[in-house]
Amino acid sequence: MELDAIKQLTDAIREQTLHATQATTTTVSSVSAVAFKAPQFWQTNAKAWFIRLEASFNTHTPPITQDLTKFHHVIQLLDSFTARRVQAVKTRLR
């Protein structure tokens, strides 16, 4: 291969890599920008709240599927009274 042909090929590869990197960065930024919106905790009907929350996890873009991530969202959404009750149960289970 001639030196000019190698240079042209290298430049073309560099340009393609740059475009692919920019596209990936744009995609990741737009996915990261989507915030999860969860319903407020319903103390009077926790079972229905969990059903609604699970639907929110499934319809989020991208869907939230990791149990640990779901757990952290649940803990953040609990009111102080319910959080203390969960802490008491967790302490007894140790």
PDB file of N, CA and C in Angstrom:
ATOM      1  N   MET A   1       0.840  -1.165   0.000  1.00  0.00           N
ATOM      2  CA  MET A   1       0.000   0.000   0.000  1.00  0.00           C
ATOM      3  C   MET A   1       0.896   1.242   0.000  1.00  0.00           C
ATOM      4  N   GLU A   2       0.511   2.208  -0.750  1.00  0.00           N
ATOM      5  CA  GLU A   2       1.283   3.442  -0.810  1.00  0.00           C
ATOM      6  C   GLU A   2       1.059   4.263   0.449  1.00  0.00           C
ATOM      7  N   LEU A   3       2.011   5.114   0.724  1.00  0.00           N
ATOM      8  CA  LEU A   3       1.936   5.965   1.906  1.00  0.00           C
ATOM      9  C   LEU A   3       0.702   6.863   1.882  1.00  0.00           C
ATOM     10  N   ASP A   4       0.354   7.421   0.721  1.00  0.00           N
ATOM     11  CA  ASP A   4      -0.838   8.278   0.606  1.00  0.00           C
ATOM     12  C   ASP A   4      -2.115   7.488   0.894  1.00  0.00           C
ATOM     13  N   ALA A   5      -2.187   6.265   0.399  1.00  0.00           N
ATOM     14  CA  ALA A   5      -3.370   5.432   0.619  1.00  0.00           C
ATOM     15  C   ALA A   5      -3.515   5.096   2.100  1.00  0.00           C
ATOM     16  N   ILE A   6      -2.393   4.807   2.755  1.00  0.00           N
ATOM     17  CA  ILE A   6      -2.419   4.504   4.188  1.00  0.00           C
ATOM     18  C   ILE A   6      -2.879   5.733   4.974  1.00  0.00           C
ATOM     19  N   LYS A   7      -2.365   6.898   4.595  1.00  0.00           N
ATOM     20  CA  LYS A   7      -2.762   8.143   5.269  1.00  0.00           C
ATOM     21  C   LYS A   7      -4.255   8.406   5.092  1.00  0.00           C
ATOM     22  N   GLN A   8      -4.779   8.211   3.875  1.00  0.00           N
ATOM     23  CA  GLN A   8      -6.211   8.423   3.623  1.00  0.00           C
ATOM     24  C   GLN A   8      -7.053   7.448   4.442  1.00  0.00           C
ATOM     25  N   LEU A   9      -6.614   6.201   4.489  1.00  0.00           N
ATOM     26  CA  LEU A   9      -7.340   5.187   5.255  1.00  0.00           C
ATOM     27  C   LEU A   9      -7.324   5.535   6.749  1.00  0.00           C
ATOM     28  N   THR A  10      -6.176   5.954   7.253  1.00  0.00           N
ATOM     29  CA  THR A  10      -6.054   6.346   8.657  1.00  0.00           C
ATOM     30  C   THR A  10      -6.954   7.532   8.975  1.00  0.00           C
ATOM     31  N   ASP A  11      -6.978   8.518   8.086  1.00  0.00           N
ATOM     32  CA  ASP A  11      -7.844   9.686   8.286  1.00  0.00           C
ATOM     33  C   ASP A  11      -9.318   9.291   8.284  1.00  0.00           C
ATOM     34  N   ALA A  12      -9.692   8.393   7.378  1.00  0.00           N
ATOM     35  CA  ALA A  12     -11.084   7.940   7.303  1.00  0.00           C
ATOM     36  C   ALA A  12     -11.484   7.200   8.579  1.00  0.00           C
ATOM     37  N   ILE A  13     -10.590   6.353   9.076  1.00  0.00           N
ATOM     38  CA  ILE A  13     -10.865   5.612  10.318  1.00  0.00           C
ATOM     39  C   ILE A  13     -10.988   6.583  11.489  1.00  0.00           C
ATOM     40  N   ARG A  14     -10.095   7.560  11.551  1.00  0.00           N
ATOM     41  CA  ARG A  14     -10.132   8.562  12.615  1.00  0.00           C
ATOM     42  C   ARG A  14     -11.460   9.321  12.592  1.00  0.00           C
ATOM     43  N   GLU A  15     -11.910   9.703  11.402  1.00  0.00           N
ATOM     44  CA  GLU A  15     -13.164  10.445  11.267  1.00  0.00           C
ATOM     45  C   GLU A  15     -14.359   9.587  11.683  1.00  0.00           C
ATOM     46  N   GLN A  16     -14.365   8.324  11.270  1.00  0.00           N
ATOM     47  CA  GLN A  16     -15.460   7.423  11.653  1.00  0.00           C
ATOM     48  C   GLN A  16     -15.490   7.220  13.169  1.00  0.00           C
ATOM     49  N   THR A  17     -14.321   7.069  13.763  1.00  0.00           N
ATOM     50  CA  THR A  17     -14.241   6.898  15.213  1.00  0.00           C
ATOM     51  C   THR A  17     -14.761   8.133  15.934  1.00  0.00           C
ATOM     52  N   LEU A  18     -14.407   9.307  15.436  1.00  0.00           N
ATOM     53  CA  LEU A  18     -14.882  10.556  16.026  1.00  0.00           C
ATOM     54  C   LEU A  18     -16.404  10.649  15.965  1.00  0.00           C
ATOM     55  N   HIS A  19     -16.993  10.311  14.811  1.00  0.00           N
ATOM     56  CA  HIS A  19     -18.456  10.356  14.667  1.00  0.00           C
ATOM     57  C   HIS A  19     -19.130   9.341  15.590  1.00  0.00           C
ATOM     58  N   ALA A  20     -18.550   8.144  15.683  1.00  0.00           N
ATOM     59  CA  ALA A  20     -19.128   7.115  16.553  1.00  0.00           C
ATOM     60  C   ALA A  20     -19.060   7.544  18.013  1.00  0.00           C
ATOM     61  N   THR A  21     -17.946   8.144  18.415  1.00  0.00           N
ATOM     62  CA  THR A  21     -17.793   8.612  19.795  1.00  0.00           C
ATOM     63  C   THR A  21     -18.786   9.723  20.106  1.00  0.00           C
ATOM     64  N   GLN A  22     -18.960  10.651  19.178  1.00  0.00           N
ATOM     65  CA  GLN A  22     -19.918  11.742  19.388  1.00  0.00           C
ATOM     66  C   GLN A  22     -21.342  11.207  19.485  1.00  0.00           C
ATOM     67  N   ALA A  23     -21.687  10.236  18.645  1.00  0.00           N
ATOM     68  CA  ALA A  23     -23.035   9.650  18.677  1.00  0.00           C
ATOM     69  C   ALA A  23     -23.274   8.937  19.997  1.00  0.00           C
ATOM     70  N   THR A  24     -22.273   8.194  20.467  1.00  0.00           N
ATOM     71  CA  THR A  24     -22.399   7.486  21.736  1.00  0.00           C
ATOM     72  C   THR A  24     -22.555   8.469  22.887  1.00  0.00           C
ATOM     73  N   THR A  25     -21.762   9.521  22.888  1.00  0.00           N
ATOM     74  CA  THR A  25     -21.842  10.532  23.942  1.00  0.00           C
ATOM     75  C   THR A  25     -23.215  11.188  23.961  1.00  0.00           C
ATOM     76  N   THR A  26     -23.752  11.496  22.797  1.00  0.00           N
ATOM     77  CA  THR A  26     -25.079  12.105  22.705  1.00  0.00           C
ATOM     78  C   THR A  26     -26.136  11.157  23.245  1.00  0.00           C
ATOM     79  N   THR A  27     -26.055   9.877  22.876  1.00  0.00           N
ATOM     80  CA  THR A  27     -27.026   8.884  23.339  1.00  0.00           C
ATOM     81  C   THR A  27     -26.958   8.728  24.851  1.00  0.00           C
ATOM     82  N   VAL A  28     -25.760   8.584  25.397  1.00  0.00           N
ATOM     83  CA  VAL A  28     -25.599   8.418  26.838  1.00  0.00           C
ATOM     84  C   VAL A  28     -26.102   9.649  27.577  1.00  0.00           C
ATOM     85  N   SER A  29     -25.813  10.827  27.068  1.00  0.00           N
ATOM     86  CA  SER A  29     -26.269  12.057  27.717  1.00  0.00           C
ATOM     87  C   SER A  29     -27.784  12.138  27.746  1.00  0.00           C
ATOM     88  N   SER A  30     -28.433  11.773  26.652  1.00  0.00           N
ATOM     89  CA  SER A  30     -29.886  11.877  26.628  1.00  0.00           C
ATOM     90  C   SER A  30     -30.536  10.818  27.501  1.00  0.00           C
ATOM     91  N   VAL A  31     -29.939   9.628  27.610  1.00  0.00           N
ATOM     92  CA  VAL A  31     -30.483   8.606  28.495  1.00  0.00           C
ATOM     93  C   VAL A  31     -30.266   9.016  29.944  1.00  0.00           C
ATOM     94  N   SER A  32     -29.097   9.542  30.248  1.00  0.00           N
ATOM     95  CA  SER A  32     -28.800   9.954  31.614  1.00  0.00           C
ATOM     96  C   SER A  32     -29.677  11.112  32.065  1.00  0.00           C
ATOM     97  N   ALA A  33     -30.129  11.916  31.132  1.00  0.00           N
ATOM     98  CA  ALA A  33     -30.905  13.100  31.479  1.00  0.00           C
ATOM     99  C   ALA A  33     -32.327  12.765  31.914  1.00  0.00           C
ATOM    100  N   VAL A  34     -32.787  11.551  31.645  1.00  0.00           N
ATOM    101  CA  VAL A  34     -34.147  11.165  32.006  1.00  0.00           C
ATOM    102  C   VAL A  34     -34.181  10.813  33.488  1.00  0.00           C
ATOM    103  N   ALA A  35     -34.900  11.599  34.258  1.00  0.00           N
ATOM    104  CA  ALA A  35     -34.986  11.370  35.699  1.00  0.00           C
ATOM    105  C   ALA A  35     -36.160  10.448  36.006  1.00  0.00           C
ATOM    106  N   PHE A  36     -35.986   9.626  37.021  1.00  0.00           N
ATOM    107  CA  PHE A  36     -37.054   8.724  37.433  1.00  0.00           C
ATOM    108  C   PHE A  36     -38.042   9.486  38.303  1.00  0.00           C
ATOM    109  N   LYS A  37     -39.303   9.451  37.919  1.00  0.00           N
ATOM    110  CA  LYS A  37     -40.372  10.109  38.679  1.00  0.00           C
ATOM    111  C   LYS A  37     -41.233   9.019  39.310  1.00  0.00           C
ATOM    112  N   ALA A  38     -41.212   8.964  40.618  1.00  0.00           N
ATOM    113  CA  ALA A  38     -41.972   7.933  41.321  1.00  0.00           C
ATOM    114  C   ALA A  38     -43.138   8.558  42.073  1.00  0.00           C
ATOM    115  N   PRO A  39     -44.197   7.775  42.268  1.00  0.00           N
ATOM    116  CA  PRO A  39     -45.332   8.295  43.038  1.00  0.00           C
ATOM    117  C   PRO A  39     -44.965   8.424  44.517  1.00  0.00           C
ATOM    118  N   GLN A  40     -45.550   9.404  45.188  1.00  0.00           N
ATOM    119  CA  GLN A  40     -45.360   9.560  46.632  1.00  0.00           C
ATOM    120  C   GLN A  40     -45.853   8.297  47.334  1.00  0.00           C
ATOM    121  N   PHE A  41     -45.226   7.947  48.457  1.00  0.00           N
ATOM    122  CA  PHE A  41     -45.622   6.763  49.211  1.00  0.00           C
ATOM    123  C   PHE A  41     -47.022   6.943  49.791  1.00  0.00           C
ATOM    124  N   TRP A  42     -47.825   5.888  49.679  1.00  0.00           N
ATOM    125  CA  TRP A  42     -49.189   5.902  50.216  1.00  0.00           C
ATOM    126  C   TRP A  42     -49.220   5.063  51.487  1.00  0.00           C
ATOM    127  N   GLN A  43     -49.171   5.688  52.623  1.00  0.00           N
ATOM    128  CA  GLN A  43     -49.199   4.963  53.888  1.00  0.00           C
ATOM    129  C   GLN A  43     -50.498   4.183  54.056  1.00  0.00           C
ATOM    130  N   THR A  44     -51.577   4.711  53.540  1.00  0.00           N
ATOM    131  CA  THR A  44     -52.887   4.073  53.721  1.00  0.00           C
ATOM    132  C   THR A  44     -53.103   2.878  52.800  1.00  0.00           C
ATOM    133  N   ASN A  45     -52.299   2.758  51.733  1.00  0.00           N
ATOM    134  CA  ASN A  45     -52.457   1.634  50.814  1.00  0.00           C
ATOM    135  C   ASN A  45     -51.105   1.291  50.184  1.00  0.00           C
ATOM    136  N   ALA A  46     -50.212   0.753  51.015  1.00  0.00           N
ATOM    137  CA  ALA A  46     -48.845   0.457  50.573  1.00  0.00           C
ATOM    138  C   ALA A  46     -48.821  -0.574  49.446  1.00  0.00           C
ATOM    139  N   LYS A  47     -49.714  -1.563  49.494  1.00  0.00           N
ATOM    140  CA  LYS A  47     -49.726  -2.607  48.459  1.00  0.00           C
ATOM    141  C   LYS A  47     -50.007  -1.996  47.080  1.00  0.00           C
ATOM    142  N   ALA A  48     -51.008  -1.135  46.994  1.00  0.00           N
ATOM    143  CA  ALA A  48     -51.324  -0.475  45.719  1.00  0.00           C
ATOM    144  C   ALA A  48     -50.178   0.431  45.281  1.00  0.00           C
ATOM    145  N   TRP A  49     -49.517   1.070  46.251  1.00  0.00           N
ATOM    146  CA  TRP A  49     -48.379   1.932  45.922  1.00  0.00           C
ATOM    147  C   TRP A  49     -47.247   1.128  45.294  1.00  0.00           C
ATOM    148  N   PHE A  50     -46.955  -0.053  45.864  1.00  0.00           N
ATOM    149  CA  PHE A  50     -45.890  -0.894  45.302  1.00  0.00           C
ATOM    150  C   PHE A  50     -46.239  -1.364  43.888  1.00  0.00           C
ATOM    151  N   ILE A  51     -47.510  -1.658  43.641  1.00  0.00           N
ATOM    152  CA  ILE A  51     -47.935  -2.044  42.286  1.00  0.00           C
ATOM    153  C   ILE A  51     -47.705  -0.884  41.323  1.00  0.00           C
ATOM    154  N   ARG A  52     -48.086   0.297  41.738  1.00  0.00           N
ATOM    155  CA  ARG A  52     -47.891   1.481  40.892  1.00  0.00           C
ATOM    156  C   ARG A  52     -46.396   1.781  40.698  1.00  0.00           C
ATOM    157  N   LEU A  53     -45.617   1.625  41.758  1.00  0.00           N
ATOM    158  CA  LEU A  53     -44.178   1.865  41.669  1.00  0.00           C
ATOM    159  C   LEU A  53     -43.521   0.877  40.708  1.00  0.00           C
ATOM    160  N   GLU A  54     -43.902  -0.387  40.770  1.00  0.00           N
ATOM    161  CA  GLU A  54     -43.355  -1.399  39.852  1.00  0.00           C
ATOM    162  C   GLU A  54     -43.684  -1.035  38.408  1.00  0.00           C
ATOM    163  N   ALA A  55     -44.891  -0.540  38.170  1.00  0.00           N
ATOM    164  CA  ALA A  55     -45.249  -0.083  36.821  1.00  0.00           C
ATOM    165  C   ALA A  55     -44.357   1.085  36.397  1.00  0.00           C
ATOM    166  N   SER A  56     -44.054   1.975  37.325  1.00  0.00           N
ATOM    167  CA  SER A  56     -43.162   3.099  37.020  1.00  0.00           C
ATOM    168  C   SER A  56     -41.763   2.607  36.666  1.00  0.00           C
ATOM    169  N   PHE A  57     -41.268   1.595  37.390  1.00  0.00           N
ATOM    170  CA  PHE A  57     -39.956   1.023  37.070  1.00  0.00           C
ATOM    171  C   PHE A  57     -39.958   0.436  35.656  1.00  0.00           C
ATOM    172  N   ASN A  58     -41.036  -0.257  35.307  1.00  0.00           N
ATOM    173  CA  ASN A  58     -41.105  -0.937  34.007  1.00  0.00           C
ATOM    174  C   ASN A  58     -41.281   0.015  32.834  1.00  0.00           C
ATOM    175  N   THR A  59     -41.934   1.145  33.053  1.00  0.00           N
ATOM    176  CA  THR A  59     -42.178   2.074  31.947  1.00  0.00           C
ATOM    177  C   THR A  59     -41.124   3.171  31.850  1.00  0.00           C
ATOM    178  N   HIS A  60     -40.186   3.192  32.785  1.00  0.00           N
ATOM    179  CA  HIS A  60     -39.092   4.168  32.736  1.00  0.00           C
ATOM    180  C   HIS A  60     -38.193   3.846  31.540  1.00  0.00           C
ATOM    181  N   THR A  61     -37.556   4.870  30.961  1.00  0.00           N
ATOM    182  CA  THR A  61     -36.634   4.658  29.845  1.00  0.00           C
ATOM    183  C   THR A  61     -35.234   4.981  30.306  1.00  0.00           C
ATOM    184  N   PRO A  62     -34.332   4.013  30.388  1.00  0.00           N
ATOM    185  CA  PRO A  62     -34.539   2.576  30.235  1.00  0.00           C
ATOM    186  C   PRO A  62     -35.235   2.005  31.476  1.00  0.00           C
ATOM    187  N   PRO A  63     -35.870   0.819  31.332  1.00  0.00           N
ATOM    188  CA  PRO A  63     -36.552   0.219  32.484  1.00  0.00           C
ATOM    189  C   PRO A  63     -35.577  -0.007  33.644  1.00  0.00           C
ATOM    190  N   ILE A  64     -36.064   0.169  34.847  1.00  0.00           N
ATOM    191  CA  ILE A  64     -35.248  -0.087  36.037  1.00  0.00           C
ATOM    192  C   ILE A  64     -35.488  -1.535  36.423  1.00  0.00           C
ATOM    193  N   THR A  65     -34.442  -2.356  36.312  1.00  0.00           N
ATOM    194  CA  THR A  65     -34.598  -3.792  36.523  1.00  0.00           C
ATOM    195  C   THR A  65     -33.768  -4.336  37.680  1.00  0.00           C
ATOM    196  N   GLN A  66     -32.780  -3.594  38.123  1.00  0.00           N
ATOM    197  CA  GLN A  66     -31.906  -4.076  39.195  1.00  0.00           C
ATOM    198  C   GLN A  66     -32.591  -3.917  40.551  1.00  0.00           C
ATOM    199  N   ASP A  67     -32.635  -5.004  41.320  1.00  0.00           N
ATOM    200  CA  ASP A  67     -33.305  -4.970  42.622  1.00  0.00           C
ATOM    201  C   ASP A  67     -32.697  -3.936  43.566  1.00  0.00           C
ATOM    202  N   LEU A  68     -31.376  -3.805  43.558  1.00  0.00           N
ATOM    203  CA  LEU A  68     -30.737  -2.841  44.454  1.00  0.00           C
ATOM    204  C   LEU A  68     -31.137  -1.407  44.095  1.00  0.00           C
ATOM    205  N   THR A  69     -31.229  -1.117  42.812  1.00  0.00           N
ATOM    206  CA  THR A  69     -31.661   0.213  42.375  1.00  0.00           C
ATOM    207  C   THR A  69     -33.100   0.467  42.814  1.00  0.00           C
ATOM    208  N   LYS A  70     -33.959  -0.534  42.644  1.00  0.00           N
ATOM    209  CA  LYS A  70     -35.351  -0.403  43.081  1.00  0.00           C
ATOM    210  C   LYS A  70     -35.415  -0.153  44.592  1.00  0.00           C
ATOM    211  N   PHE A  71     -34.623  -0.917  45.340  1.00  0.00           N
ATOM    212  CA  PHE A  71     -34.593  -0.771  46.797  1.00  0.00           C
ATOM    213  C   PHE A  71     -34.228   0.658  47.190  1.00  0.00           C
ATOM    214  N   HIS A  72     -33.194   1.196  46.564  1.00  0.00           N
ATOM    215  CA  HIS A  72     -32.759   2.560  46.898  1.00  0.00           C
ATOM    216  C   HIS A  72     -33.845   3.591  46.575  1.00  0.00           C
ATOM    217  N   HIS A  73     -34.546   3.394  45.461  1.00  0.00           N
ATOM    218  CA  HIS A  73     -35.650   4.310  45.136  1.00  0.00           C
ATOM    219  C   HIS A  73     -36.752   4.217  46.193  1.00  0.00           C
ATOM    220  N   VAL A  74     -37.082   3.001  46.605  1.00  0.00           N
ATOM    221  CA  VAL A  74     -38.134   2.817  47.615  1.00  0.00           C
ATOM    222  C   VAL A  74     -37.747   3.523  48.910  1.00  0.00           C
ATOM    223  N   ILE A  75     -36.530   3.317  49.361  1.00  0.00           N
ATOM    224  CA  ILE A  75     -36.082   3.936  50.614  1.00  0.00           C
ATOM    225  C   ILE A  75     -36.162   5.458  50.526  1.00  0.00           C
ATOM    226  N   GLN A  76     -35.794   6.025  49.393  1.00  0.00           N
ATOM    227  CA  GLN A  76     -35.851   7.480  49.221  1.00  0.00           C
ATOM    228  C   GLN A  76     -37.281   8.010  49.253  1.00  0.00           C
ATOM    229  N   LEU A  77     -38.233   7.186  48.874  1.00  0.00           N
ATOM    230  CA  LEU A  77     -39.620   7.642  48.757  1.00  0.00           C
ATOM    231  C   LEU A  77     -40.428   7.503  50.048  1.00  0.00           C
ATOM    232  N   LEU A  78     -39.905   6.776  51.015  1.00  0.00           N
ATOM    233  CA  LEU A  78     -40.660   6.555  52.245  1.00  0.00           C
ATOM    234  C   LEU A  78     -40.705   7.813  53.106  1.00  0.00           C
ATOM    235  N   ASP A  79     -41.852   8.015  53.754  1.00  0.00           N
ATOM    236  CA  ASP A  79     -41.950   9.109  54.718  1.00  0.00           C
ATOM    237  C   ASP A  79     -41.189   8.702  55.982  1.00  0.00           C
ATOM    238  N   SER A  80     -40.940   9.633  56.872  1.00  0.00           N
ATOM    239  CA  SER A  80     -40.093   9.367  58.046  1.00  0.00           C
ATOM    240  C   SER A  80     -40.691   8.302  58.971  1.00  0.00           C
ATOM    241  N   PHE A  81     -42.001   8.305  59.141  1.00  0.00           N
ATOM    242  CA  PHE A  81     -42.647   7.314  60.003  1.00  0.00           C
ATOM    243  C   PHE A  81     -42.425   5.901  59.460  1.00  0.00           C
ATOM    244  N   THR A  82     -42.668   5.712  58.186  1.00  0.00           N
ATOM    245  CA  THR A  82     -42.506   4.395  57.565  1.00  0.00           C
ATOM    246  C   THR A  82     -41.036   3.990  57.528  1.00  0.00           C
ATOM    247  N   ALA A  83     -40.145   4.931  57.274  1.00  0.00           N
ATOM    248  CA  ALA A  83     -38.710   4.629  57.254  1.00  0.00           C
ATOM    249  C   ALA A  83     -38.246   4.118  58.620  1.00  0.00           C
ATOM    250  N   ARG A  84     -38.758   4.721  59.703  1.00  0.00           N
ATOM    251  CA  ARG A  84     -38.404   4.239  61.045  1.00  0.00           C
ATOM    252  C   ARG A  84     -38.924   2.824  61.263  1.00  0.00           C
ATOM    253  N   ARG A  85     -40.118   2.533  60.773  1.00  0.00           N
ATOM    254  CA  ARG A  85     -40.675   1.182  60.911  1.00  0.00           C
ATOM    255  C   ARG A  85     -39.836   0.171  60.142  1.00  0.00           C
ATOM    256  N   VAL A  86     -39.408   0.533  58.938  1.00  0.00           N
ATOM    257  CA  VAL A  86     -38.555  -0.357  58.132  1.00  0.00           C
ATOM    258  C   VAL A  86     -37.228  -0.584  58.851  1.00  0.00           C
ATOM    259  N   GLN A  87     -36.666   0.467  59.411  1.00  0.00           N
ATOM    260  CA  GLN A  87     -35.404   0.351  60.139  1.00  0.00           C
ATOM    261  C   GLN A  87     -35.561  -0.587  61.335  1.00  0.00           C
ATOM    262  N   ALA A  88     -36.678  -0.500  62.041  1.00  0.00           N
ATOM    263  CA  ALA A  88     -36.921  -1.365  63.196  1.00  0.00           C
ATOM    264  C   ALA A  88     -37.005  -2.826  62.769  1.00  0.00           C
ATOM    265  N   VAL A  89     -37.682  -3.098  61.669  1.00  0.00           N
ATOM    266  CA  VAL A  89     -37.788  -4.471  61.162  1.00  0.00           C
ATOM    267  C   VAL A  89     -36.412  -4.968  60.735  1.00  0.00           C
ATOM    268  N   LYS A  90     -35.674  -4.137  60.024  1.00  0.00           N
ATOM    269  CA  LYS A  90     -34.341  -4.515  59.552  1.00  0.00           C
ATOM    270  C   LYS A  90     -33.426  -4.830  60.736  1.00  0.00           C
ATOM    271  N   THR A  91     -33.514  -4.031  61.799  1.00  0.00           N
ATOM    272  CA  THR A  91     -32.681  -4.246  62.985  1.00  0.00           C
ATOM    273  C   THR A  91     -33.023  -5.579  63.637  1.00  0.00           C
ATOM    274  N   ARG A  92     -34.308  -5.918  63.714  1.00  0.00           N
ATOM    275  CA  ARG A  92     -34.730  -7.190  64.313  1.00  0.00           C
ATOM    276  C   ARG A  92     -34.286  -8.386  63.482  1.00  0.00           C
ATOM    277  N   LEU A  93     -34.128  -8.214  62.176  1.00  0.00           N
ATOM    278  CA  LEU A  93     -33.752  -9.326  61.302  1.00  0.00           C
ATOM    279  C   LEU A  93     -32.261  -9.656  61.359  1.00  0.00           C
ATOM    280  N   ARG A  94     -31.473  -8.787  61.920  1.00  0.00           N
ATOM    281  CA  ARG A  94     -30.016  -9.032  61.974  1.00  0.00           C
ATOM    282  C   ARG A  94     -29.662 -10.095  62.938  1.00  0.00           C
TER     283      ARG A  94
END
